[in-house]
């Protein structure tokens, strides 16, 4: 999904993140995974005096293959055209004709505007406005992927890959209007995939393997400790990382040379996220003191189930479709547990999520223009699992509709370049988010509209050997 838990990445006010930050995290993740450590990290945070907001992100990113981006990710579990089937359906490995290496990168530029206001609210009445800046922010995220497929025998194939299927990133200025809701929220995951595909017969293949997932999370927000003045604000920070393992399995069926069907399941991944949370209080403020404690957060990355089909109409045209179900209702709440208690962090903090299961639908087509050029296109529809009453400024995800265009330039029999773009229709989400204050009768309420514009553009290289 995109900006969903299946979705596009949301931007942030005063964004300063480099597009290379994801590549840097990849290197960090590789070091962790190759040492045999395993798990994902996420971060949660609480505010003052037991009245707290907990944050987490589990954003599903569609952009796991440049070739698939070009047809809106339709037919992914059915088509056996490149090594990205390591991710989409390992059973389809057995229908590749040669060993193959596939690598690509997709840039996701985004533009977000907040049209609204933030006030201190008591008894549902605004009693004081919060001032700030940066209601408009832009940024670009870079999502790389790499896959390799190798034949072990005529019937047995091995596949491996790395990608980043879950993540979010927003970095706001500490003086921005919604600083009490969020200053920074970031989750990055990196998957290491190891799979096998086995051809049972000319028509049937099965496949499966392990998904080792690393994740790193950070959450920051300002804390109101008096008048809404950035100079007097406290600053909350939480961070952590960890690792966990899931599994994947699929079936591929090709009853005729021009028909392919695929079924693919990816398991949920359970995490116990270990890290810390801290609050930094200015020396001039006597209402609270600085504090740092260790903390755990339980999180379940949801399972997914895909059905795909692809049909070659003639030598030039192929049509395809995909339906993917994601079990988001496993995320009903987030419960943050401090390992030690202090003056500020005194109890478990709970955020109600109430997410719902979703289906993503996509259809696409491919046309061979010349012996060396393939063109493709697709459309997709994906609904958000997040209800309006639990949406937040740093994780406000609405339904999305997208149009994709792509092309492949086959330089020779073994080398090809993939290119693709996707345009997502502008989404508008009405949001009301409260942040707690030391006064239990007063909240900081952000209320207005979030307008998101997102596109994706990618390029990749495929080498058969």
Protein backbone atom coordinates (compact mmCIF):
# COMPACT_ATOMS: atom_id res chain seq x y z
CA UNK A 1 0.00 0.00 0.00
CA UNK A 2 1.05 3.50 -0.12
CA UNK A 3 0.98 5.96 2.65
CA UNK A 4 -1.10 3.42 4.37
CA UNK A 5 -0.01 0.74 6.04
CA UNK A 6 -0.09 -0.19 2.74
CA UNK A 7 0.91 3.63 1.11
CA UNK A 8 2.92 6.57 0.10
CA UNK A 9 5.34 8.22 2.52
CA UNK A 10 4.10 11.33 4.26
CA UNK A 11 6.29 14.41 4.24
CA UNK A 12 7.19 16.88 6.95
CA UNK A 13 7.49 20.51 7.80
CA UNK A 14 10.98 21.93 7.65
CA UNK A 15 12.19 18.61 6.27
CA UNK A 16 15.96 18.20 6.36
CA UNK A 17 16.30 14.49 5.64
CA UNK A 18 18.54 13.51 2.77
CA UNK A 19 17.32 11.09 0.13
CA UNK A 20 20.45 9.09 0.94
CA UNK A 21 19.37 8.49 4.55
CA UNK A 22 17.60 5.27 3.60
CA UNK A 23 20.74 3.97 1.89
CA UNK A 24 22.74 4.72 5.04
CA UNK A 25 20.20 2.82 7.12
CA UNK A 26 20.44 -0.10 4.67
CA UNK A 27 24.13 -0.39 5.42
CA UNK A 28 23.44 -0.28 9.12
CA UNK A 29 20.78 -2.96 8.78
CA UNK A 30 23.03 -5.25 6.77
CA UNK A 31 25.60 -5.15 9.56
CA UNK A 32 22.98 -6.05 12.14
CA UNK A 33 21.37 -8.85 10.13
CA UNK A 34 24.60 -10.45 9.01
CA UNK A 35 25.67 -10.72 12.63
CA UNK A 36 22.62 -12.87 13.21
CA UNK A 37 20.71 -10.29 15.20
CA UNK A 38 17.08 -10.26 14.26
CA UNK A 39 14.13 -7.90 14.88
CA UNK A 40 12.47 -4.63 14.10
CA UNK A 41 12.58 -1.40 15.97
CA UNK A 42 9.88 1.06 16.55
CA UNK A 43 9.50 3.75 18.98
CA UNK A 44 6.79 5.03 21.22
CA UNK A 45 6.56 8.04 23.44
CA UNK A 46 4.66 9.50 26.32
CA UNK A 47 4.11 13.01 27.57
CA UNK A 48 3.79 14.40 31.05
CA UNK A 49 2.34 13.03 34.25
CA UNK A 50 0.82 9.78 32.98
CA UNK A 51 -1.34 11.54 30.39
CA UNK A 52 0.41 10.63 27.20
CA UNK A 53 0.24 10.14 23.48
CA UNK A 54 1.87 7.04 22.02
CA UNK A 55 3.20 7.05 18.47
CA UNK A 56 4.07 4.23 16.12
CA UNK A 57 4.35 3.79 12.39
CA UNK A 58 3.76 0.79 10.21
CA UNK A 59 3.57 2.33 6.80
CA UNK A 60 3.37 -0.15 3.93
CA UNK A 61 5.39 0.92 0.89
CA UNK A 62 4.38 -0.49 -2.49
CA UNK A 63 7.56 0.49 -4.29
CA UNK A 64 9.47 -2.79 -4.12
CA UNK A 65 10.24 -3.12 -7.86
CA UNK A 66 10.68 -0.62 -10.70
CA UNK A 67 9.18 -3.00 -13.24
CA UNK A 68 6.13 -3.54 -11.03
CA UNK A 69 5.80 0.21 -10.42
CA UNK A 70 5.13 0.64 -14.14
CA UNK A 71 1.94 -1.47 -14.04
CA UNK A 72 0.72 -0.26 -10.61
CA UNK A 73 1.91 -3.53 -9.04
CA UNK A 74 -0.68 -5.60 -10.89
CA UNK A 75 -0.01 -9.28 -11.54
CA UNK A 76 2.88 -9.41 -9.10
CA UNK A 77 2.21 -12.90 -7.71
CA UNK A 78 1.46 -14.37 -11.16
CA UNK A 79 4.02 -13.01 -13.63
CA UNK A 80 7.41 -14.70 -13.71
CA UNK A 81 9.36 -12.09 -15.65
CA UNK A 82 12.16 -10.99 -13.32
CA UNK A 83 13.88 -11.67 -10.00
CA UNK A 84 11.47 -9.46 -8.01
CA UNK A 85 9.28 -12.58 -7.67
CA UNK A 86 11.55 -13.27 -4.68
CA UNK A 87 9.29 -10.72 -2.96
CA UNK A 88 5.99 -11.11 -4.81
CA UNK A 89 5.79 -14.93 -5.03
CA UNK A 90 8.82 -17.24 -4.68
CA UNK A 91 6.91 -20.06 -6.42
CA UNK A 92 7.22 -18.11 -9.69
CA UNK A 93 11.02 -18.41 -9.54
CA UNK A 94 10.79 -21.75 -11.33
CA UNK A 95 9.44 -20.12 -14.50
CA UNK A 96 12.44 -17.84 -15.04
CA UNK A 97 14.58 -19.01 -17.94
CA UNK A 98 18.00 -17.96 -16.56
CA UNK A 99 19.68 -16.79 -13.39
CA UNK A 100 18.97 -13.14 -12.86
CA UNK A 101 20.02 -10.10 -10.83
CA UNK A 102 17.63 -7.18 -10.47
CA UNK A 103 18.38 -3.86 -8.75
CA UNK A 104 16.60 -0.53 -8.71
CA UNK A 105 15.76 2.62 -6.80
CA UNK A 106 12.53 4.58 -6.61
CA UNK A 107 12.36 8.23 -5.55
CA UNK A 108 9.14 9.39 -3.87
CA UNK A 109 8.79 13.20 -3.88
CA UNK A 110 5.93 14.47 -1.74
CA UNK A 111 4.23 17.76 -0.92
CA UNK A 112 2.04 18.24 2.16
CA UNK A 113 0.04 21.24 3.38
CA UNK A 114 -1.73 21.71 6.68
CA UNK A 115 -4.65 24.11 6.48
CA UNK A 116 -5.97 24.66 9.95
CA UNK A 117 -5.17 25.96 13.40
CA UNK A 118 -3.84 24.81 16.76
CA UNK A 119 -5.31 26.00 20.06
CA UNK A 120 -5.28 25.31 23.75
CA UNK A 121 -8.74 23.91 24.44
CA UNK A 122 -10.61 23.64 27.73
CA UNK A 123 -14.16 22.30 27.99
CA UNK A 124 -14.29 22.23 24.17
CA UNK A 125 -13.59 25.98 24.03
CA UNK A 126 -10.43 27.48 22.50
CA UNK A 127 -8.71 29.54 25.20
CA UNK A 128 -5.35 30.40 23.58
CA UNK A 129 -3.92 30.06 20.05
CA UNK A 130 -0.65 28.26 19.37
CA UNK A 131 1.49 30.14 16.88
CA UNK A 132 4.19 28.73 14.63
CA UNK A 133 5.35 28.29 11.08
CA UNK A 134 5.79 25.76 8.31
CA UNK A 135 2.29 24.73 7.30
CA UNK A 136 3.78 23.55 3.98
CA UNK A 137 6.57 21.06 3.55
CA UNK A 138 8.16 18.97 0.83
CA UNK A 139 10.70 16.19 0.65
CA UNK A 140 11.91 13.14 -1.24
CA UNK A 141 12.48 9.60 -0.03
CA UNK A 142 14.60 7.02 -1.86
CA UNK A 143 13.59 3.34 -1.73
CA UNK A 144 16.13 0.83 -3.14
CA UNK A 145 15.67 -2.86 -3.86
CA UNK A 146 17.85 -5.75 -5.02
CA UNK A 147 16.96 -9.38 -5.86
CA UNK A 148 18.82 -12.39 -7.21
CA UNK A 149 17.41 -15.67 -8.57
CA UNK A 150 19.57 -18.76 -9.12
CA UNK A 151 18.67 -22.24 -10.45
CA UNK A 152 19.94 -25.08 -8.24
CA UNK A 153 18.47 -27.84 -10.40
CA UNK A 154 15.92 -27.92 -13.22
CA UNK A 155 13.13 -28.00 -10.63
CA UNK A 156 14.62 -26.09 -7.68
CA UNK A 157 15.47 -22.37 -7.53
CA UNK A 158 17.00 -20.18 -4.84
CA UNK A 159 16.21 -16.50 -4.38
CA UNK A 160 17.45 -13.73 -2.12
CA UNK A 161 16.78 -10.04 -1.83
CA UNK A 162 16.70 -6.87 0.23
CA UNK A 163 14.00 -4.20 0.29
CA UNK A 164 12.25 -1.73 2.60
CA UNK A 165 8.52 -2.53 2.65
CA UNK A 166 7.43 -0.67 5.78
CA UNK A 167 8.37 2.85 6.76
CA UNK A 168 7.42 6.45 7.33
CA UNK A 169 9.32 9.67 7.68
CA UNK A 170 8.39 13.16 8.80
CA UNK A 171 10.67 15.78 10.31
CA UNK A 172 9.14 19.07 11.42
CA UNK A 173 10.70 22.29 12.68
CA UNK A 174 10.64 22.72 16.47
CA UNK A 175 8.90 26.06 15.95
CA UNK A 176 6.19 24.69 13.69
CA UNK A 177 2.50 25.05 14.48
CA UNK A 178 1.92 21.40 15.39
CA UNK A 179 5.08 20.84 17.43
CA UNK A 180 3.10 19.47 20.41
CA UNK A 181 1.69 16.76 18.15
CA UNK A 182 4.97 15.87 16.41
CA UNK A 183 8.46 17.16 15.64
CA UNK A 184 9.81 13.95 14.13
CA UNK A 185 8.35 10.52 13.48
CA UNK A 186 10.36 7.95 11.58
CA UNK A 187 10.26 4.21 11.04
CA UNK A 188 12.58 2.42 8.66
CA UNK A 189 12.55 -1.30 7.99
CA UNK A 190 14.90 -3.42 5.91
CA UNK A 191 14.03 -6.98 4.88
CA UNK A 192 16.50 -9.74 4.07
CA UNK A 193 14.70 -12.40 2.00
CA UNK A 194 15.86 -16.00 1.50
CA UNK A 195 13.47 -18.25 -0.45
CA UNK A 196 13.20 -21.45 -2.50
CA UNK A 197 10.92 -22.28 -5.43
CA UNK A 198 10.16 -25.86 -6.49
CA UNK A 199 8.49 -26.90 -9.75
CA UNK A 200 6.18 -29.82 -8.98
CA UNK A 201 5.03 -30.18 -12.59
CA UNK A 202 4.91 -28.14 -15.77
CA UNK A 203 1.79 -26.40 -14.44
CA UNK A 204 2.34 -26.19 -10.67
CA UNK A 205 5.08 -24.66 -8.53
CA UNK A 206 5.34 -23.87 -4.83
CA UNK A 207 7.75 -21.65 -2.94
CA UNK A 208 8.52 -20.14 0.42
CA UNK A 209 11.18 -18.87 2.74
CA UNK A 210 12.15 -16.55 5.57
CA UNK A 211 11.87 -12.79 5.99
CA UNK A 212 14.40 -11.33 8.42
CA UNK A 213 13.39 -7.79 9.27
CA UNK A 214 15.37 -4.99 10.89
CA UNK A 215 13.70 -1.75 11.93
CA UNK A 216 14.81 1.53 13.43
CA UNK A 217 12.41 4.10 14.86
CA UNK A 218 12.54 7.63 16.26
CA UNK A 219 9.82 9.86 17.69
CA UNK A 220 10.16 13.45 18.90
CA UNK A 221 7.68 16.09 20.00
CA UNK A 222 7.60 19.27 22.04
CA UNK A 223 5.97 19.24 25.47
CA UNK A 224 3.89 22.17 26.69
CA UNK A 225 5.21 23.28 30.10
CA UNK A 226 3.52 26.67 30.40
CA UNK A 227 2.62 29.26 27.81
CA UNK A 228 2.90 27.90 24.23
CA UNK A 229 6.34 29.41 23.62
CA UNK A 230 9.10 27.31 21.93
CA UNK A 231 11.63 28.79 24.37
CA UNK A 232 9.83 27.18 27.31
CA UNK A 233 8.92 23.87 25.70
CA UNK A 234 10.18 20.55 26.91
CA UNK A 235 11.41 18.10 24.28
CA UNK A 236 10.43 14.45 24.23
CA UNK A 237 12.46 11.85 22.34
CA UNK A 238 12.02 8.12 22.02
CA UNK A 239 14.03 5.72 19.91
CA UNK A 240 14.82 2.04 19.51
CA UNK A 241 15.67 -0.75 17.12
CA UNK A 242 15.39 -4.50 17.05
CA UNK A 243 14.86 -7.51 14.76
CA UNK A 244 12.29 -10.28 14.06
CA UNK A 245 11.63 -13.09 11.59
CA UNK A 246 8.56 -13.94 9.51
CA UNK A 247 7.87 -16.27 6.61
CA UNK A 248 6.45 -16.23 3.12
CA UNK A 249 4.81 -18.89 0.92
CA UNK A 250 3.20 -19.03 -2.50
CA UNK A 251 1.71 -21.16 -5.26
CA UNK A 252 2.06 -20.56 -9.00
CA UNK A 253 -0.19 -22.19 -11.59
CA UNK A 254 0.28 -22.03 -15.38
CA UNK A 255 -2.41 -24.20 -17.03
CA UNK A 256 -1.62 -22.82 -20.50
CA UNK A 257 1.39 -20.99 -21.95
CA UNK A 258 -0.58 -17.72 -22.08
CA UNK A 259 -2.20 -17.91 -18.61
CA UNK A 260 -0.51 -17.50 -15.20
CA UNK A 261 -2.06 -17.42 -11.73
CA UNK A 262 -0.42 -16.78 -8.37
CA UNK A 263 -1.37 -16.94 -4.71
CA UNK A 264 0.99 -15.49 -2.13
CA UNK A 265 0.93 -15.20 1.67
CA UNK A 266 3.27 -13.18 3.86
CA UNK A 267 3.10 -13.83 7.59
CA UNK A 268 2.71 -11.29 10.34
CA UNK A 269 5.92 -10.33 12.14
CA UNK A 270 5.77 -9.83 15.90
CA UNK A 271 8.18 -7.44 17.54
CA UNK A 272 9.14 -6.49 21.03
CA UNK A 273 10.75 -3.15 20.40
CA UNK A 274 13.43 -2.20 22.88
CA UNK A 275 14.72 1.32 23.34
CA UNK A 276 14.36 4.32 25.58
CA UNK A 277 12.34 7.48 26.02
CA UNK A 278 13.46 10.75 27.49
CA UNK A 279 12.28 14.28 28.16
CA UNK A 280 14.56 17.31 28.19
CA UNK A 281 13.25 20.23 30.26
CA UNK A 282 14.73 23.77 30.07
CA UNK A 283 16.54 24.84 33.25
CA UNK A 284 14.22 27.81 33.69
CA UNK A 285 11.18 25.53 33.92
CA UNK A 286 10.39 24.14 37.37
CA UNK A 287 7.20 22.28 36.46
CA UNK A 288 9.06 19.08 35.56
CA UNK A 289 12.57 17.66 35.43
CA UNK A 290 14.52 15.92 32.69
CA UNK A 291 14.29 12.14 32.69
CA UNK A 292 15.33 9.10 30.64
CA UNK A 293 14.04 5.52 30.99
CA UNK A 294 14.24 2.24 29.10
CA UNK A 295 11.04 1.13 27.39
CA UNK A 296 9.40 -1.70 25.41
CA UNK A 297 6.67 -1.59 22.79
CA UNK A 298 4.88 -4.61 21.36
CA UNK A 299 4.01 -4.29 17.68
CA UNK A 300 2.68 -6.68 15.06
CA UNK A 301 3.39 -6.04 11.38
CA UNK A 302 0.27 -7.42 9.64
CA UNK A 303 -0.01 -10.44 7.40
CA UNK A 304 -0.88 -10.04 3.71
CA UNK A 305 -2.52 -12.28 1.12
CA UNK A 306 -2.40 -11.71 -2.66
CA UNK A 307 -4.24 -13.15 -5.66
CA UNK A 308 -2.86 -12.34 -9.11
CA UNK A 309 -3.48 -13.29 -12.73
CA UNK A 310 -1.75 -12.52 -16.04
CA UNK A 311 -2.95 -13.35 -19.55
CA UNK A 312 -0.96 -12.93 -22.76
CA UNK A 313 -3.55 -11.96 -25.38
CA UNK A 314 -1.14 -12.23 -28.32
CA UNK A 315 2.53 -11.67 -29.12
CA UNK A 316 2.25 -7.97 -28.23
CA UNK A 317 -0.33 -7.59 -25.44
CA UNK A 318 -0.50 -8.90 -21.85
CA UNK A 319 -3.12 -7.96 -19.26
CA UNK A 320 -2.87 -8.54 -15.51
CA UNK A 321 -4.63 -7.94 -12.21
CA UNK A 322 -3.96 -8.18 -8.49
CA UNK A 323 -5.95 -8.10 -5.25
CA UNK A 324 -4.05 -7.88 -1.95
CA UNK A 325 -5.62 -8.15 1.49
CA UNK A 326 -3.86 -6.75 4.57
CA UNK A 327 -4.92 -7.68 8.08
CA UNK A 328 -4.70 -4.33 9.81
CA UNK A 329 -7.15 -5.13 12.58
CA UNK A 330 -4.27 -6.72 14.50
CA UNK A 331 -3.31 -3.13 15.34
CA UNK A 332 -6.09 -2.22 17.75
CA UNK A 333 -3.87 -0.44 20.25
CA UNK A 334 -0.25 0.39 21.01
CA UNK A 335 0.86 -0.19 24.58
CA UNK A 336 4.12 1.34 25.71
CA UNK A 337 5.71 -0.06 28.86
CA UNK A 338 8.52 1.80 30.68
CA UNK A 339 11.07 -0.68 32.04
CA UNK A 340 11.65 1.66 34.96
CA UNK A 341 9.45 4.40 36.36
CA UNK A 342 10.33 7.94 37.37
CA UNK A 343 8.67 11.26 38.09
CA UNK A 344 7.46 11.77 34.52
CA UNK A 345 7.03 8.25 33.14
CA UNK A 346 4.82 6.61 35.75
CA UNK A 347 2.65 4.02 33.97
CA UNK A 348 1.89 2.21 30.74
CA UNK A 349 0.76 4.50 27.96
CA UNK A 350 -1.91 3.29 25.54
CA UNK A 351 -3.00 4.68 22.20
CA UNK A 352 -6.17 3.31 20.64
CA UNK A 353 -5.65 2.59 16.92
CA UNK A 354 -8.79 0.73 15.74
CA UNK A 355 -7.40 -0.03 12.29
CA UNK A 356 -9.44 -2.03 9.80
CA UNK A 357 -8.53 -4.70 7.24
CA UNK A 358 -8.18 -3.48 3.66
CA UNK A 359 -8.07 -4.69 0.07
CA UNK A 360 -5.84 -3.15 -2.58
CA UNK A 361 -6.87 -3.65 -6.23
CA UNK A 362 -4.80 -3.08 -9.37
CA UNK A 363 -5.11 -3.79 -13.09
CA UNK A 364 -2.47 -3.30 -15.75
CA UNK A 365 -1.37 -4.03 -19.28
CA UNK A 366 1.89 -4.45 -21.19
CA UNK A 367 2.55 -3.83 -24.89
CA UNK A 368 5.60 -4.82 -26.94
CA UNK A 369 6.28 -1.80 -29.13
CA UNK A 370 9.43 -3.14 -30.81
CA UNK A 371 11.70 -6.16 -30.25
CA UNK A 372 13.68 -4.10 -27.72
CA UNK A 373 10.96 -1.91 -26.13
CA UNK A 374 8.11 -2.90 -23.78
CA UNK A 375 5.54 -0.37 -22.56
CA UNK A 376 3.23 -0.86 -19.57
CA UNK A 377 0.56 0.95 -17.58
CA UNK A 378 -1.73 0.32 -14.64
CA UNK A 379 -4.17 1.81 -12.14
CA UNK A 380 -4.58 1.01 -8.45
CA UNK A 381 -7.00 1.69 -5.63
CA UNK A 382 -6.12 1.34 -1.97
CA UNK A 383 -8.19 2.33 1.06
CA UNK A 384 -6.69 3.49 4.33
CA UNK A 385 -7.04 1.23 7.36
CA UNK A 386 -6.88 4.25 9.68
CA UNK A 387 -10.14 5.85 10.86
CA UNK A 388 -10.31 9.63 11.08
CA UNK A 389 -10.62 9.61 14.86
CA UNK A 390 -7.18 7.97 15.30
CA UNK A 391 -5.31 9.78 12.50
CA UNK A 392 -2.44 12.04 13.58
CA UNK A 393 -0.53 14.86 11.91
CA UNK A 394 2.59 12.75 11.48
CA UNK A 395 0.67 9.71 10.27
CA UNK A 396 -2.44 10.95 8.49
CA UNK A 397 -3.18 8.49 5.72
CA UNK A 398 -6.15 8.70 3.39
CA UNK A 399 -7.40 6.49 0.56
CA UNK A 400 -5.34 6.66 -2.61
CA UNK A 401 -5.83 6.19 -6.33
CA UNK A 402 -2.82 5.95 -8.61
CA UNK A 403 -1.91 5.79 -12.30
CA UNK A 404 1.37 4.19 -13.43
CA UNK A 405 3.37 4.23 -16.66
CA UNK A 406 6.52 2.23 -17.35
CA UNK A 407 8.89 0.92 -19.99
CA UNK A 408 11.64 -1.65 -20.44
CA UNK A 409 14.55 -1.16 -22.83
CA UNK A 410 16.13 -4.52 -23.62
CA UNK A 411 19.71 -3.69 -24.57
CA UNK A 412 20.40 -7.29 -25.53
CA UNK A 413 19.23 -10.77 -24.63
CA UNK A 414 20.60 -10.54 -21.09
CA UNK A 415 20.56 -6.86 -20.10
CA UNK A 416 17.52 -4.60 -19.64
CA UNK A 417 16.74 -1.20 -18.12
CA UNK A 418 13.37 -0.61 -16.42
CA UNK A 419 11.83 2.85 -16.00
CA UNK A 420 8.54 3.84 -14.34
CA UNK A 421 6.51 6.71 -12.90
CA UNK A 422 3.39 6.73 -10.77
CA UNK A 423 1.07 9.65 -10.07
CA UNK A 424 -1.14 9.52 -7.00
CA UNK A 425 -4.24 11.67 -6.97
CA UNK A 426 -4.18 14.45 -4.38
CA UNK A 427 -5.75 13.39 -1.09
CA UNK A 428 -7.35 15.55 1.59
CA UNK A 429 -7.85 14.35 5.15
CA UNK A 430 -9.81 16.21 7.83
CA UNK A 431 -8.04 15.75 11.12
CA UNK A 432 -8.48 16.60 14.79
CA UNK A 433 -5.61 15.60 17.08
CA UNK A 434 -5.21 16.37 20.77
CA UNK A 435 -1.94 16.55 22.69
CA UNK A 436 -2.03 16.40 26.47
CA UNK A 437 -0.67 19.07 28.81
CA UNK A 438 0.28 19.17 32.51
CA UNK A 439 -3.25 20.46 33.17
CA UNK A 440 -5.56 17.48 32.68
CA UNK A 441 -8.43 19.84 31.78
CA UNK A 442 -6.52 21.42 28.88
CA UNK A 443 -5.38 19.88 25.59
CA UNK A 444 -3.50 21.22 22.59
CA UNK A 445 -5.85 20.63 19.66
CA UNK A 446 -4.73 20.67 16.02
CA UNK A 447 -7.71 20.86 13.71
CA UNK A 448 -7.84 21.28 9.95
CA UNK A 449 -7.07 19.60 6.64
CA UNK A 450 -3.96 17.77 5.46
CA UNK A 451 -3.48 17.89 1.68
CA UNK A 452 -0.99 15.35 0.28
CA UNK A 453 0.54 15.16 -3.18
CA UNK A 454 2.81 12.21 -3.98
CA UNK A 455 4.54 10.82 -7.06
CA UNK A 456 7.03 8.01 -7.61
CA UNK A 457 9.75 7.69 -10.22
CA UNK A 458 12.23 4.86 -10.55
CA UNK A 459 14.88 3.18 -12.65
CA UNK A 460 16.39 -0.27 -12.45
CA UNK A 461 18.71 -2.72 -14.14
CA UNK A 462 18.14 -6.43 -14.81
CA UNK A 463 20.93 -8.82 -15.80
CA UNK A 464 20.39 -12.43 -16.86
CA UNK A 465 23.40 -14.71 -16.58
